[in-house]
Amino acid sequence: MSEANTMRFVRDRTSIPIPEVYNAYVDDKPGQVRVIMEFVEGTPLEKAWPEFFPEQKELSGSYPEYWGYCKAPWWPP
């Protein structure tokens, strides 16, 4: 459930493109969390990753504008 709550938090408070979470619940039979979210058109990362250059794979440095949100005063410690 924390993943769904984190996605909602980031979507509501930033301009980071996050799919909208429609519902999240614990499936009683397998005991797993299910997250129902908006479909986003595109290529799955697992298929695109092998085609990336090494520089593109350095994700922590690829999106510096997003890391600034983590230091915003409203972001939880």
PDB file of N, CA and C in Angstrom:
ATOM      1  N   MET A   1       0.813  -1.185   0.000  1.00  0.00           N
ATOM      2  CA  MET A   1       0.000   0.000   0.000  1.00  0.00           C
ATOM      3  C   MET A   1       0.866   1.263   0.000  1.00  0.00           C
ATOM      4  N   SER A   2       2.077   1.147   0.548  1.00  0.00           N
ATOM      5  CA  SER A   2       2.926   2.337   0.619  1.00  0.00           C
ATOM      6  C   SER A   2       3.345   2.814  -0.766  1.00  0.00           C
ATOM      7  N   GLU A   3       3.507   1.893  -1.719  1.00  0.00           N
ATOM      8  CA  GLU A   3       3.864   2.308  -3.078  1.00  0.00           C
ATOM      9  C   GLU A   3       2.757   3.168  -3.683  1.00  0.00           C
ATOM     10  N   ALA A   4       1.509   2.746  -3.517  1.00  0.00           N
ATOM     11  CA  ALA A   4       0.375   3.506  -4.047  1.00  0.00           C
ATOM     12  C   ALA A   4       0.279   4.866  -3.367  1.00  0.00           C
ATOM     13  N   ASN A   5       0.474   4.896  -2.052  1.00  0.00           N
ATOM     14  CA  ASN A   5       0.424   6.171  -1.323  1.00  0.00           C
ATOM     15  C   ASN A   5       1.552   7.101  -1.747  1.00  0.00           C
ATOM     16  N   THR A   6       2.728   6.549  -1.981  1.00  0.00           N
ATOM     17  CA  THR A   6       3.861   7.360  -2.440  1.00  0.00           C
ATOM     18  C   THR A   6       3.590   7.913  -3.833  1.00  0.00           C
ATOM     19  N   MET A   7       3.036   7.081  -4.706  1.00  0.00           N
ATOM     20  CA  MET A   7       2.708   7.547  -6.058  1.00  0.00           C
ATOM     21  C   MET A   7       1.696   8.690  -6.003  1.00  0.00           C
ATOM     22  N   ARG A   8       0.675   8.557  -5.168  1.00  0.00           N
ATOM     23  CA  ARG A   8      -0.332   9.628  -5.026  1.00  0.00           C
ATOM     24  C   ARG A   8       0.312  10.909  -4.491  1.00  0.00           C
ATOM     25  N   PHE A   9       1.167  10.758  -3.485  1.00  0.00           N
ATOM     26  CA  PHE A   9       1.827  11.905  -2.875  1.00  0.00           C
ATOM     27  C   PHE A   9       2.654  12.671  -3.903  1.00  0.00           C
ATOM     28  N   VAL A  10       3.480  11.947  -4.660  1.00  0.00           N
ATOM     29  CA  VAL A  10       4.353  12.576  -5.651  1.00  0.00           C
ATOM     30  C   VAL A  10       3.524  13.205  -6.768  1.00  0.00           C
ATOM     31  N   ARG A  11       2.499  12.510  -7.241  1.00  0.00           N
ATOM     32  CA  ARG A  11       1.656  13.035  -8.317  1.00  0.00           C
ATOM     33  C   ARG A  11       0.941  14.316  -7.891  1.00  0.00           C
ATOM     34  N   ASP A  12       0.455  14.345  -6.647  1.00  0.00           N
ATOM     35  CA  ASP A  12      -0.295  15.505  -6.160  1.00  0.00           C
ATOM     36  C   ASP A  12       0.575  16.717  -5.857  1.00  0.00           C
ATOM     37  N   ARG A  13       1.848  16.504  -5.556  1.00  0.00           N
ATOM     38  CA  ARG A  13       2.678  17.598  -5.059  1.00  0.00           C
ATOM     39  C   ARG A  13       3.847  17.990  -5.945  1.00  0.00           C
ATOM     40  N   THR A  14       3.985  17.316  -7.100  1.00  0.00           N
ATOM     41  CA  THR A  14       5.088  17.649  -8.007  1.00  0.00           C
ATOM     42  C   THR A  14       4.584  17.628  -9.444  1.00  0.00           C
ATOM     43  N   SER A  15       5.470  17.938 -10.357  1.00  0.00           N
ATOM     44  CA  SER A  15       5.139  17.812 -11.783  1.00  0.00           C
ATOM     45  C   SER A  15       5.807  16.578 -12.384  1.00  0.00           C
ATOM     46  N   ILE A  16       6.323  15.684 -11.523  1.00  0.00           N
ATOM     47  CA  ILE A  16       6.917  14.433 -11.999  1.00  0.00           C
ATOM     48  C   ILE A  16       5.796  13.591 -12.610  1.00  0.00           C
ATOM     49  N   PRO A  17       5.983  13.088 -13.824  1.00  0.00           N
ATOM     50  CA  PRO A  17       4.918  12.305 -14.470  1.00  0.00           C
ATOM     51  C   PRO A  17       4.753  10.934 -13.817  1.00  0.00           C
ATOM     52  N   ILE A  18       3.690  10.785 -13.061  1.00  0.00           N
ATOM     53  CA  ILE A  18       3.374   9.544 -12.356  1.00  0.00           C
ATOM     54  C   ILE A  18       1.975   9.112 -12.779  1.00  0.00           C
ATOM     55  N   PRO A  19       1.769   7.821 -13.091  1.00  0.00           N
ATOM     56  CA  PRO A  19       0.413   7.372 -13.427  1.00  0.00           C
ATOM     57  C   PRO A  19      -0.543   7.602 -12.249  1.00  0.00           C
ATOM     58  N   GLU A  20      -1.780   7.919 -12.568  1.00  0.00           N
ATOM     59  CA  GLU A  20      -2.788   8.105 -11.518  1.00  0.00           C
ATOM     60  C   GLU A  20      -3.162   6.749 -10.928  1.00  0.00           C
ATOM     61  N   VAL A  21      -3.196   6.680  -9.599  1.00  0.00           N
ATOM     62  CA  VAL A  21      -3.613   5.460  -8.903  1.00  0.00           C
ATOM     63  C   VAL A  21      -5.116   5.520  -8.714  1.00  0.00           C
ATOM     64  N   TYR A  22      -5.819   4.524  -9.271  1.00  0.00           N
ATOM     65  CA  TYR A  22      -7.273   4.471  -9.144  1.00  0.00           C
ATOM     66  C   TYR A  22      -7.704   3.738  -7.883  1.00  0.00           C
ATOM     67  N   ASN A  23      -6.962   2.696  -7.514  1.00  0.00           N
ATOM     68  CA  ASN A  23      -7.315   1.900  -6.354  1.00  0.00           C
ATOM     69  C   ASN A  23      -6.100   1.079  -5.927  1.00  0.00           C
ATOM     70  N   ALA A  24      -6.038   0.747  -4.649  1.00  0.00           N
ATOM     71  CA  ALA A  24      -5.008  -0.144  -4.126  1.00  0.00           C
ATOM     72  C   ALA A  24      -5.647  -0.966  -3.008  1.00  0.00           C
ATOM     73  N   TYR A  25      -5.349  -2.259  -3.001  1.00  0.00           N
ATOM     74  CA  TYR A  25      -5.955  -3.135  -2.001  1.00  0.00           C
ATOM     75  C   TYR A  25      -5.082  -4.373  -1.815  1.00  0.00           C
ATOM     76  N   VAL A  26      -5.323  -5.082  -0.714  1.00  0.00           N
ATOM     77  CA  VAL A  26      -4.631  -6.342  -0.456  1.00  0.00           C
ATOM     78  C   VAL A  26      -5.540  -7.454  -0.948  1.00  0.00           C
ATOM     79  N   ASP A  27      -5.016  -8.259  -1.849  1.00  0.00           N
ATOM     80  CA  ASP A  27      -5.743  -9.403  -2.390  1.00  0.00           C
ATOM     81  C   ASP A  27      -5.711 -10.502  -1.327  1.00  0.00           C
ATOM     82  N   ASP A  28      -6.879 -10.905  -0.832  1.00  0.00           N
ATOM     83  CA  ASP A  28      -6.959 -11.867   0.271  1.00  0.00           C
ATOM     84  C   ASP A  28      -6.342 -13.227  -0.055  1.00  0.00           C
ATOM     85  N   LYS A  29      -6.568 -13.712  -1.250  1.00  0.00           N
ATOM     86  CA  LYS A  29      -6.102 -15.062  -1.582  1.00  0.00           C
ATOM     87  C   LYS A  29      -4.573 -15.161  -1.556  1.00  0.00           C
ATOM     88  N   PRO A  30      -3.847 -14.400  -2.391  1.00  0.00           N
ATOM     89  CA  PRO A  30      -2.391 -14.518  -2.304  1.00  0.00           C
ATOM     90  C   PRO A  30      -1.766 -13.587  -1.258  1.00  0.00           C
ATOM     91  N   GLY A  31      -2.558 -12.656  -0.703  1.00  0.00           N
ATOM     92  CA  GLY A  31      -2.024 -11.728   0.291  1.00  0.00           C
ATOM     93  C   GLY A  31      -1.086 -10.689  -0.284  1.00  0.00           C
ATOM     94  N   GLN A  32      -1.256 -10.381  -1.551  1.00  0.00           N
ATOM     95  CA  GLN A  32      -0.402  -9.390  -2.206  1.00  0.00           C
ATOM     96  C   GLN A  32      -1.161  -8.085  -2.417  1.00  0.00           C
ATOM     97  N   VAL A  33      -0.406  -6.988  -2.422  1.00  0.00           N
ATOM     98  CA  VAL A  33      -1.008  -5.683  -2.690  1.00  0.00           C
ATOM     99  C   VAL A  33      -1.207  -5.539  -4.192  1.00  0.00           C
ATOM    100  N   ARG A  34      -2.361  -5.082  -4.577  1.00  0.00           N
ATOM    101  CA  ARG A  34      -2.686  -4.822  -5.985  1.00  0.00           C
ATOM    102  C   ARG A  34      -2.885  -3.321  -6.144  1.00  0.00           C
ATOM    103  N   VAL A  35      -2.269  -2.752  -7.159  1.00  0.00           N
ATOM    104  CA  VAL A  35      -2.411  -1.326  -7.446  1.00  0.00           C
ATOM    105  C   VAL A  35      -3.025  -1.203  -8.840  1.00  0.00           C
ATOM    106  N   ILE A  36      -4.190  -0.570  -8.905  1.00  0.00           N
ATOM    107  CA  ILE A  36      -4.864  -0.325 -10.175  1.00  0.00           C
ATOM    108  C   ILE A  36      -4.541   1.112 -10.551  1.00  0.00           C
ATOM    109  N   MET A  37      -3.846   1.277 -11.683  1.00  0.00           N
ATOM    110  CA  MET A  37      -3.394   2.613 -12.055  1.00  0.00           C
ATOM    111  C   MET A  37      -3.626   2.888 -13.529  1.00  0.00           C
ATOM    112  N   GLU A  38      -3.468   4.144 -13.862  1.00  0.00           N
ATOM    113  CA  GLU A  38      -3.611   4.627 -15.237  1.00  0.00           C
ATOM    114  C   GLU A  38      -2.608   3.921 -16.146  1.00  0.00           C
ATOM    115  N   PHE A  39      -3.048   3.570 -17.344  1.00  0.00           N
ATOM    116  CA  PHE A  39      -2.154   3.000 -18.343  1.00  0.00           C
ATOM    117  C   PHE A  39      -1.357   4.123 -18.992  1.00  0.00           C
ATOM    118  N   VAL A  40      -0.066   3.919 -19.108  1.00  0.00           N
ATOM    119  CA  VAL A  40       0.812   4.904 -19.735  1.00  0.00           C
ATOM    120  C   VAL A  40       1.419   4.263 -20.977  1.00  0.00           C
ATOM    121  N   GLU A  41       1.187   4.884 -22.110  1.00  0.00           N
ATOM    122  CA  GLU A  41       1.698   4.402 -23.395  1.00  0.00           C
ATOM    123  C   GLU A  41       3.221   4.500 -23.407  1.00  0.00           C
ATOM    124  N   GLY A  42       3.881   3.512 -23.976  1.00  0.00           N
ATOM    125  CA  GLY A  42       5.333   3.590 -24.104  1.00  0.00           C
ATOM    126  C   GLY A  42       5.976   2.224 -24.126  1.00  0.00           C
ATOM    127  N   THR A  43       7.302   2.215 -24.143  1.00  0.00           N
ATOM    128  CA  THR A  43       8.084   0.986 -24.153  1.00  0.00           C
ATOM    129  C   THR A  43       8.489   0.655 -22.724  1.00  0.00           C
ATOM    130  N   PRO A  44       8.242  -0.575 -22.268  1.00  0.00           N
ATOM    131  CA  PRO A  44       8.674  -0.953 -20.921  1.00  0.00           C
ATOM    132  C   PRO A  44      10.186  -0.804 -20.771  1.00  0.00           C
ATOM    133  N   LEU A  45      10.610  -0.363 -19.615  1.00  0.00           N
ATOM    134  CA  LEU A  45      12.032  -0.149 -19.369  1.00  0.00           C
ATOM    135  C   LEU A  45      12.845  -1.417 -19.601  1.00  0.00           C
ATOM    136  N   GLU A  46      12.295  -2.567 -19.248  1.00  0.00           N
ATOM    137  CA  GLU A  46      13.049  -3.817 -19.423  1.00  0.00           C
ATOM    138  C   GLU A  46      13.363  -4.103 -20.888  1.00  0.00           C
ATOM    139  N   LYS A  47      12.540  -3.586 -21.800  1.00  0.00           N
ATOM    140  CA  LYS A  47      12.809  -3.774 -23.231  1.00  0.00           C
ATOM    141  C   LYS A  47      13.713  -2.670 -23.788  1.00  0.00           C
ATOM    142  N   ALA A  48      13.591  -1.468 -23.259  1.00  0.00           N
ATOM    143  CA  ALA A  48      14.378  -0.337 -23.752  1.00  0.00           C
ATOM    144  C   ALA A  48      15.796  -0.321 -23.177  1.00  0.00           C
ATOM    145  N   TRP A  49      15.968  -0.839 -21.964  1.00  0.00           N
ATOM    146  CA  TRP A  49      17.244  -0.757 -21.237  1.00  0.00           C
ATOM    147  C   TRP A  49      18.445  -1.241 -22.045  1.00  0.00           C
ATOM    148  N   PRO A  50      18.380  -2.404 -22.718  1.00  0.00           N
ATOM    149  CA  PRO A  50      19.556  -2.877 -23.459  1.00  0.00           C
ATOM    150  C   PRO A  50      20.013  -1.916 -24.567  1.00  0.00           C
ATOM    151  N   GLU A  51      19.125  -1.074 -25.041  1.00  0.00           N
ATOM    152  CA  GLU A  51      19.460  -0.139 -26.116  1.00  0.00           C
ATOM    153  C   GLU A  51      20.058   1.174 -25.603  1.00  0.00           C
ATOM    154  N   PHE A  52      20.002   1.407 -24.291  1.00  0.00           N
ATOM    155  CA  PHE A  52      20.506   2.651 -23.715  1.00  0.00           C
ATOM    156  C   PHE A  52      22.030   2.676 -23.752  1.00  0.00           C
ATOM    157  N   PHE A  53      22.587   3.866 -23.903  1.00  0.00           N
ATOM    158  CA  PHE A  53      24.016   4.076 -23.761  1.00  0.00           C
ATOM    159  C   PHE A  53      24.345   4.071 -22.271  1.00  0.00           C
ATOM    160  N   PRO A  54      25.605   3.784 -21.884  1.00  0.00           N
ATOM    161  CA  PRO A  54      25.960   3.785 -20.465  1.00  0.00           C
ATOM    162  C   PRO A  54      25.586   5.083 -19.755  1.00  0.00           C
ATOM    163  N   GLU A  55      25.734   6.200 -20.455  1.00  0.00           N
ATOM    164  CA  GLU A  55      25.395   7.492 -19.841  1.00  0.00           C
ATOM    165  C   GLU A  55      23.908   7.572 -19.506  1.00  0.00           C
ATOM    166  N   GLN A  56      23.086   6.968 -20.349  1.00  0.00           N
ATOM    167  CA  GLN A  56      21.645   6.990 -20.115  1.00  0.00           C
ATOM    168  C   GLN A  56      21.249   6.102 -18.944  1.00  0.00           C
ATOM    169  N   LYS A  57      22.066   5.107 -18.646  1.00  0.00           N
ATOM    170  CA  LYS A  57      21.762   4.187 -17.561  1.00  0.00           C
ATOM    171  C   LYS A  57      22.090   4.765 -16.189  1.00  0.00           C
ATOM    172  N   GLU A  58      22.771   5.860 -16.169  1.00  0.00           N
ATOM    173  CA  GLU A  58      23.091   6.500 -14.893  1.00  0.00           C
ATOM    174  C   GLU A  58      21.893   7.341 -14.472  1.00  0.00           C
ATOM    175  N   LEU A  59      20.832   6.654 -14.058  1.00  0.00           N
ATOM    176  CA  LEU A  59      19.552   7.309 -13.784  1.00  0.00           C
ATOM    177  C   LEU A  59      19.615   8.359 -12.691  1.00  0.00           C
ATOM    178  N   SER A  60      20.437   8.153 -11.695  1.00  0.00           N
ATOM    179  CA  SER A  60      20.459   9.120 -10.600  1.00  0.00           C
ATOM    180  C   SER A  60      20.923  10.489 -11.070  1.00  0.00           C
ATOM    181  N   GLY A  61      21.680  10.534 -12.144  1.00  0.00           N
ATOM    182  CA  GLY A  61      22.131  11.814 -12.678  1.00  0.00           C
ATOM    183  C   GLY A  61      21.334  12.272 -13.878  1.00  0.00           C
ATOM    184  N   SER A  62      20.425  11.424 -14.354  1.00  0.00           N
ATOM    185  CA  SER A  62      19.684  11.741 -15.573  1.00  0.00           C
ATOM    186  C   SER A  62      18.534  12.709 -15.369  1.00  0.00           C
ATOM    187  N   TYR A  63      18.024  12.785 -14.153  1.00  0.00           N
ATOM    188  CA  TYR A  63      16.848  13.612 -13.895  1.00  0.00           C
ATOM    189  C   TYR A  63      17.075  14.567 -12.728  1.00  0.00           C
ATOM    190  N   PRO A  64      18.089  15.425 -12.833  1.00  0.00           N
ATOM    191  CA  PRO A  64      18.405  16.300 -11.696  1.00  0.00           C
ATOM    192  C   PRO A  64      17.265  17.229 -11.307  1.00  0.00           C
ATOM    193  N   GLU A  65      16.424  17.604 -12.267  1.00  0.00           N
ATOM    194  CA  GLU A  65      15.322  18.511 -11.913  1.00  0.00           C
ATOM    195  C   GLU A  65      14.348  17.857 -10.945  1.00  0.00           C
ATOM    196  N   TYR A  66      14.248  16.521 -10.958  1.00  0.00           N
ATOM    197  CA  TYR A  66      13.343  15.835 -10.042  1.00  0.00           C
ATOM    198  C   TYR A  66      13.919  15.733  -8.635  1.00  0.00           C
ATOM    199  N   TRP A  67      15.237  15.619  -8.537  1.00  0.00           N
ATOM    200  CA  TRP A  67      15.842  15.466  -7.219  1.00  0.00           C
ATOM    201  C   TRP A  67      15.655  16.715  -6.367  1.00  0.00           C
ATOM    202  N   GLY A  68      15.472  17.858  -6.990  1.00  0.00           N
ATOM    203  CA  GLY A  68      15.220  19.077  -6.231  1.00  0.00           C
ATOM    204  C   GLY A  68      13.951  18.991  -5.403  1.00  0.00           C
ATOM    205  N   TYR A  69      12.981  18.215  -5.855  1.00  0.00           N
ATOM    206  CA  TYR A  69      11.741  18.053  -5.094  1.00  0.00           C
ATOM    207  C   TYR A  69      11.981  17.397  -3.749  1.00  0.00           C
ATOM    208  N   CYS A  70      12.975  16.544  -3.681  1.00  0.00           N
ATOM    209  CA  CYS A  70      13.249  15.825  -2.443  1.00  0.00           C
ATOM    210  C   CYS A  70      13.794  16.751  -1.359  1.00  0.00           C
ATOM    211  N   LYS A  71      14.216  17.920  -1.734  1.00  0.00           N
ATOM    212  CA  LYS A  71      14.737  18.879  -0.775  1.00  0.00           C
ATOM    213  C   LYS A  71      13.757  20.005  -0.490  1.00  0.00           C
ATOM    214  N   ALA A  72      12.577  19.928  -1.104  1.00  0.00           N
ATOM    215  CA  ALA A  72      11.575  20.981  -0.913  1.00  0.00           C
ATOM    216  C   ALA A  72      11.089  20.976   0.549  1.00  0.00           C
ATOM    217  N   PRO A  73      10.694  22.142   1.073  1.00  0.00           N
ATOM    218  CA  PRO A  73      10.295  22.224   2.478  1.00  0.00           C
ATOM    219  C   PRO A  73       9.097  21.350   2.831  1.00  0.00           C
ATOM    220  N   TRP A  74       8.228  21.063   1.882  1.00  0.00           N
ATOM    221  CA  TRP A  74       7.045  20.250   2.190  1.00  0.00           C
ATOM    222  C   TRP A  74       7.315  18.762   2.107  1.00  0.00           C
ATOM    223  N   TRP A  75       8.511  18.358   1.614  1.00  0.00           N
ATOM    224  CA  TRP A  75       8.829  16.934   1.473  1.00  0.00           C
ATOM    225  C   TRP A  75       9.115  16.342   2.840  1.00  0.00           C
ATOM    226  N   PRO A  76       8.561  15.174   3.147  1.00  0.00           N
ATOM    227  CA  PRO A  76       8.803  14.605   4.478  1.00  0.00           C
ATOM    228  C   PRO A  76      10.269  14.246   4.674  1.00  0.00           C
ATOM    229  N   PRO A  77      10.774  14.395   5.891  1.00  0.00           N
ATOM    230  CA  PRO A  77      12.189  14.065   6.172  1.00  0.00           C
ATOM    231  C   PRO A  77      12.473  12.590   6.031  1.00  0.00           C
TER     232      PRO A  77
END
